[in-house]
Amino acid sequence: MVTTIDELWYGNIHPAKTLGESDEEIKQLENLIQHNYDILREQLEKAAEERLEKYKDAVEEYIQLSNKSAFAEGFSLGVRLVTESVMLGRNKT
């Protein structure tokens, strides 16, 4: 039987990729961001367009690192909560 931790290890679960799939507000924001980005890029001269691409790349990297950190912190918190719950349960018996 494949466990959830196995699925995470083998890269079959991608929490950040599915972030906006079920959240309509996130989808709308993603669409708005992309729409405004496309309009801005069309209005810029070549040098400014290159600077915008560098800015976009840096923001995307920042978001990825933030998501990774938030996932690790959330996962760690979940493990601590489960561990504490199990330990408290043992102390009551």
N, C-alpha and C. Protein backbone atom coordinates (compact mmCIF):
# COMPACT_ATOMS: atom_id res chain seq x y z
N MET A 1 0.83 -1.18 0.00
CA MET A 1 0.00 0.00 0.00
C MET A 1 0.88 1.25 0.00
N VAL A 2 0.57 2.18 -0.88
CA VAL A 2 1.33 3.43 -0.97
C VAL A 2 0.73 4.43 0.02
N THR A 3 1.59 4.99 0.87
CA THR A 3 1.12 5.95 1.87
C THR A 3 1.24 7.38 1.33
N THR A 4 0.64 8.30 2.03
CA THR A 4 0.72 9.71 1.65
C THR A 4 2.16 10.18 1.69
N ILE A 5 2.92 9.74 2.68
CA ILE A 5 4.32 10.15 2.77
C ILE A 5 5.11 9.61 1.57
N ASP A 6 4.77 8.41 1.09
CA ASP A 6 5.39 7.88 -0.13
C ASP A 6 5.05 8.76 -1.32
N GLU A 7 3.80 9.16 -1.42
CA GLU A 7 3.36 10.01 -2.53
C GLU A 7 4.11 11.34 -2.52
N LEU A 8 4.29 11.91 -1.33
CA LEU A 8 5.07 13.14 -1.22
C LEU A 8 6.53 12.92 -1.64
N TRP A 9 7.11 11.84 -1.15
CA TRP A 9 8.51 11.53 -1.44
C TRP A 9 8.76 11.37 -2.94
N TYR A 10 7.86 10.68 -3.61
CA TYR A 10 8.04 10.41 -5.04
C TYR A 10 7.53 11.55 -5.92
N GLY A 11 7.05 12.61 -5.29
CA GLY A 11 6.64 13.78 -6.07
C GLY A 11 5.29 13.64 -6.74
N ASN A 12 4.47 12.75 -6.26
CA ASN A 12 3.15 12.55 -6.87
C ASN A 12 2.10 13.50 -6.30
N ILE A 13 2.40 14.14 -5.20
CA ILE A 13 1.51 15.12 -4.60
C ILE A 13 2.18 16.48 -4.68
N HIS A 14 1.48 17.45 -5.20
CA HIS A 14 2.02 18.80 -5.38
C HIS A 14 1.06 19.82 -4.78
N PRO A 15 1.11 20.04 -3.48
CA PRO A 15 0.15 20.95 -2.84
C PRO A 15 0.12 22.35 -3.46
N ALA A 16 1.26 22.89 -3.81
CA ALA A 16 1.29 24.25 -4.36
C ALA A 16 0.68 24.31 -5.76
N LYS A 17 0.81 23.25 -6.54
CA LYS A 17 0.26 23.25 -7.89
C LYS A 17 -1.26 23.25 -7.89
N THR A 18 -1.86 22.65 -6.89
CA THR A 18 -3.32 22.56 -6.84
C THR A 18 -3.94 23.67 -6.01
N LEU A 19 -3.13 24.63 -5.60
CA LEU A 19 -3.58 25.70 -4.72
C LEU A 19 -4.82 26.40 -5.22
N GLY A 20 -4.83 26.81 -6.48
CA GLY A 20 -5.95 27.59 -6.98
C GLY A 20 -7.02 26.80 -7.70
N GLU A 21 -6.88 25.50 -7.79
CA GLU A 21 -7.84 24.71 -8.55
C GLU A 21 -9.25 24.76 -7.99
N SER A 22 -9.37 24.81 -6.68
CA SER A 22 -10.70 24.80 -6.09
C SER A 22 -11.08 26.15 -5.47
N ASP A 23 -10.23 27.14 -5.60
CA ASP A 23 -10.49 28.45 -5.01
C ASP A 23 -10.73 29.47 -6.12
N GLU A 24 -11.96 29.86 -6.27
CA GLU A 24 -12.33 30.77 -7.35
C GLU A 24 -11.66 32.13 -7.21
N GLU A 25 -11.47 32.60 -5.99
CA GLU A 25 -10.82 33.89 -5.77
C GLU A 25 -9.37 33.87 -6.26
N ILE A 26 -8.67 32.78 -6.00
CA ILE A 26 -7.29 32.65 -6.47
C ILE A 26 -7.25 32.60 -7.99
N LYS A 27 -8.16 31.86 -8.60
CA LYS A 27 -8.23 31.80 -10.07
C LYS A 27 -8.43 33.19 -10.66
N GLN A 28 -9.35 33.95 -10.07
CA GLN A 28 -9.62 35.29 -10.58
C GLN A 28 -8.40 36.19 -10.46
N LEU A 29 -7.70 36.10 -9.34
CA LEU A 29 -6.49 36.91 -9.16
C LEU A 29 -5.40 36.51 -10.14
N GLU A 30 -5.23 35.20 -10.36
CA GLU A 30 -4.24 34.75 -11.34
C GLU A 30 -4.55 35.29 -12.72
N ASN A 31 -5.83 35.24 -13.11
CA ASN A 31 -6.24 35.76 -14.41
C ASN A 31 -6.01 37.26 -14.52
N LEU A 32 -6.32 38.00 -13.45
CA LEU A 32 -6.11 39.45 -13.43
C LEU A 32 -4.63 39.79 -13.53
N ILE A 33 -3.81 39.08 -12.79
CA ILE A 33 -2.36 39.30 -12.84
C ILE A 33 -1.84 39.06 -14.25
N GLN A 34 -2.22 37.94 -14.85
CA GLN A 34 -1.75 37.63 -16.19
C GLN A 34 -2.24 38.65 -17.21
N HIS A 35 -3.49 39.05 -17.11
CA HIS A 35 -4.06 40.04 -18.04
C HIS A 35 -3.29 41.36 -17.96
N ASN A 36 -3.08 41.85 -16.75
CA ASN A 36 -2.36 43.12 -16.59
C ASN A 36 -0.90 43.01 -17.00
N TYR A 37 -0.30 41.86 -16.74
CA TYR A 37 1.08 41.63 -17.17
C TYR A 37 1.19 41.69 -18.69
N ASP A 38 0.27 41.04 -19.38
CA ASP A 38 0.29 41.03 -20.85
C ASP A 38 0.12 42.43 -21.42
N ILE A 39 -0.79 43.20 -20.85
CA ILE A 39 -1.00 44.58 -21.31
C ILE A 39 0.25 45.41 -21.08
N LEU A 40 0.82 45.31 -19.90
CA LEU A 40 2.02 46.08 -19.57
C LEU A 40 3.18 45.71 -20.49
N ARG A 41 3.37 44.42 -20.72
CA ARG A 41 4.47 43.96 -21.57
C ARG A 41 4.33 44.50 -22.99
N GLU A 42 3.12 44.56 -23.50
CA GLU A 42 2.89 45.08 -24.86
C GLU A 42 3.21 46.57 -24.97
N GLN A 43 3.06 47.30 -23.87
CA GLN A 43 3.25 48.74 -23.90
C GLN A 43 4.71 49.16 -23.68
N LEU A 44 5.54 48.23 -23.29
CA LEU A 44 6.92 48.57 -22.96
C LEU A 44 7.86 48.45 -24.15
N GLU A 45 8.91 49.25 -24.10
CA GLU A 45 9.99 49.12 -25.08
C GLU A 45 10.84 47.92 -24.70
N LYS A 46 11.71 47.50 -25.56
CA LYS A 46 12.49 46.26 -25.40
C LYS A 46 13.26 46.22 -24.07
N ALA A 47 13.98 47.27 -23.73
CA ALA A 47 14.78 47.27 -22.50
C ALA A 47 13.89 47.15 -21.27
N ALA A 48 12.79 47.87 -21.27
CA ALA A 48 11.87 47.80 -20.13
C ALA A 48 11.18 46.44 -20.08
N GLU A 49 10.91 45.85 -21.22
CA GLU A 49 10.29 44.53 -21.27
C GLU A 49 11.23 43.49 -20.67
N GLU A 50 12.53 43.60 -20.95
CA GLU A 50 13.50 42.68 -20.38
C GLU A 50 13.57 42.84 -18.86
N ARG A 51 13.50 44.08 -18.38
CA ARG A 51 13.51 44.34 -16.94
C ARG A 51 12.26 43.75 -16.29
N LEU A 52 11.12 43.87 -16.96
CA LEU A 52 9.88 43.30 -16.45
C LEU A 52 9.99 41.78 -16.34
N GLU A 53 10.61 41.13 -17.32
CA GLU A 53 10.80 39.68 -17.27
C GLU A 53 11.67 39.28 -16.08
N LYS A 54 12.74 40.04 -15.84
CA LYS A 54 13.61 39.77 -14.69
C LYS A 54 12.84 39.94 -13.38
N TYR A 55 12.01 40.97 -13.32
CA TYR A 55 11.18 41.21 -12.14
C TYR A 55 10.22 40.04 -11.93
N LYS A 56 9.56 39.62 -13.00
CA LYS A 56 8.61 38.51 -12.93
C LYS A 56 9.31 37.23 -12.46
N ASP A 57 10.49 36.96 -12.99
CA ASP A 57 11.25 35.77 -12.59
C ASP A 57 11.59 35.81 -11.10
N ALA A 58 12.01 36.98 -10.62
CA ALA A 58 12.36 37.12 -9.20
C ALA A 58 11.14 36.93 -8.32
N VAL A 59 10.00 37.48 -8.72
CA VAL A 59 8.77 37.32 -7.95
C VAL A 59 8.35 35.85 -7.92
N GLU A 60 8.44 35.18 -9.05
CA GLU A 60 8.07 33.76 -9.10
C GLU A 60 8.99 32.92 -8.21
N GLU A 61 10.28 33.22 -8.20
CA GLU A 61 11.21 32.50 -7.34
C GLU A 61 10.88 32.75 -5.86
N TYR A 62 10.59 34.01 -5.55
CA TYR A 62 10.22 34.36 -4.18
C TYR A 62 8.96 33.59 -3.75
N ILE A 63 7.96 33.53 -4.61
CA ILE A 63 6.72 32.83 -4.31
C ILE A 63 6.99 31.34 -4.09
N GLN A 64 7.82 30.75 -4.94
CA GLN A 64 8.15 29.33 -4.78
C GLN A 64 8.84 29.07 -3.45
N LEU A 65 9.80 29.91 -3.09
CA LEU A 65 10.51 29.73 -1.82
C LEU A 65 9.58 29.96 -0.63
N SER A 66 8.70 30.93 -0.74
CA SER A 66 7.72 31.19 0.33
C SER A 66 6.77 30.01 0.49
N ASN A 67 6.29 29.47 -0.63
CA ASN A 67 5.41 28.31 -0.58
C ASN A 67 6.11 27.11 0.05
N LYS A 68 7.37 26.91 -0.32
CA LYS A 68 8.14 25.79 0.24
C LYS A 68 8.29 25.95 1.75
N SER A 69 8.60 27.16 2.17
CA SER A 69 8.77 27.42 3.60
C SER A 69 7.46 27.25 4.35
N ALA A 70 6.37 27.77 3.79
CA ALA A 70 5.06 27.66 4.44
C ALA A 70 4.63 26.19 4.52
N PHE A 71 4.89 25.42 3.47
CA PHE A 71 4.55 24.00 3.48
C PHE A 71 5.34 23.28 4.57
N ALA A 72 6.64 23.55 4.65
CA ALA A 72 7.48 22.89 5.65
C ALA A 72 7.02 23.25 7.06
N GLU A 73 6.72 24.52 7.28
CA GLU A 73 6.26 24.96 8.60
C GLU A 73 4.91 24.32 8.93
N GLY A 74 4.00 24.29 7.97
CA GLY A 74 2.69 23.69 8.20
C GLY A 74 2.78 22.20 8.46
N PHE A 75 3.63 21.53 7.71
CA PHE A 75 3.82 20.09 7.89
C PHE A 75 4.40 19.81 9.27
N SER A 76 5.40 20.61 9.66
CA SER A 76 6.03 20.46 10.97
C SER A 76 5.02 20.69 12.08
N LEU A 77 4.21 21.71 11.94
CA LEU A 77 3.18 22.00 12.93
C LEU A 77 2.19 20.83 13.03
N GLY A 78 1.79 20.29 11.89
CA GLY A 78 0.87 19.15 11.89
C GLY A 78 1.45 17.95 12.61
N VAL A 79 2.72 17.67 12.37
CA VAL A 79 3.38 16.55 13.05
C VAL A 79 3.45 16.79 14.55
N ARG A 80 3.78 18.01 14.94
CA ARG A 80 3.84 18.33 16.37
C ARG A 80 2.46 18.17 17.02
N LEU A 81 1.40 18.63 16.33
CA LEU A 81 0.05 18.49 16.87
C LEU A 81 -0.34 17.03 17.04
N VAL A 82 -0.05 16.21 16.04
CA VAL A 82 -0.37 14.78 16.12
C VAL A 82 0.43 14.13 17.24
N THR A 83 1.72 14.44 17.31
CA THR A 83 2.56 13.86 18.36
C THR A 83 2.05 14.24 19.74
N GLU A 84 1.74 15.52 19.91
CA GLU A 84 1.22 15.98 21.20
C GLU A 84 -0.11 15.30 21.53
N SER A 85 -0.95 15.16 20.54
CA SER A 85 -2.25 14.51 20.75
C SER A 85 -2.07 13.06 21.19
N VAL A 86 -1.17 12.35 20.54
CA VAL A 86 -0.91 10.95 20.89
C VAL A 86 -0.33 10.86 22.30
N MET A 87 0.60 11.75 22.62
CA MET A 87 1.23 11.72 23.94
C MET A 87 0.23 12.05 25.05
N LEU A 88 -0.63 13.02 24.81
CA LEU A 88 -1.65 13.36 25.80
C LEU A 88 -2.64 12.22 25.98
N GLY A 89 -2.96 11.56 24.89
CA GLY A 89 -3.86 10.40 24.97
C GLY A 89 -3.27 9.28 25.77
N ARG A 90 -1.98 9.06 25.65
CA ARG A 90 -1.30 8.00 26.41
C ARG A 90 -1.27 8.33 27.90
N ASN A 91 -1.11 9.60 28.22
CA ASN A 91 -1.03 10.00 29.63
C ASN A 91 -2.37 9.85 30.35
N LYS A 92 -3.47 9.85 29.60
CA LYS A 92 -4.80 9.74 30.21
C LYS A 92 -5.18 8.31 30.55
N THR A 93 -4.51 7.35 29.94
CA THR A 93 -4.87 5.95 30.19
C THR A 93 -4.02 5.33 31.26
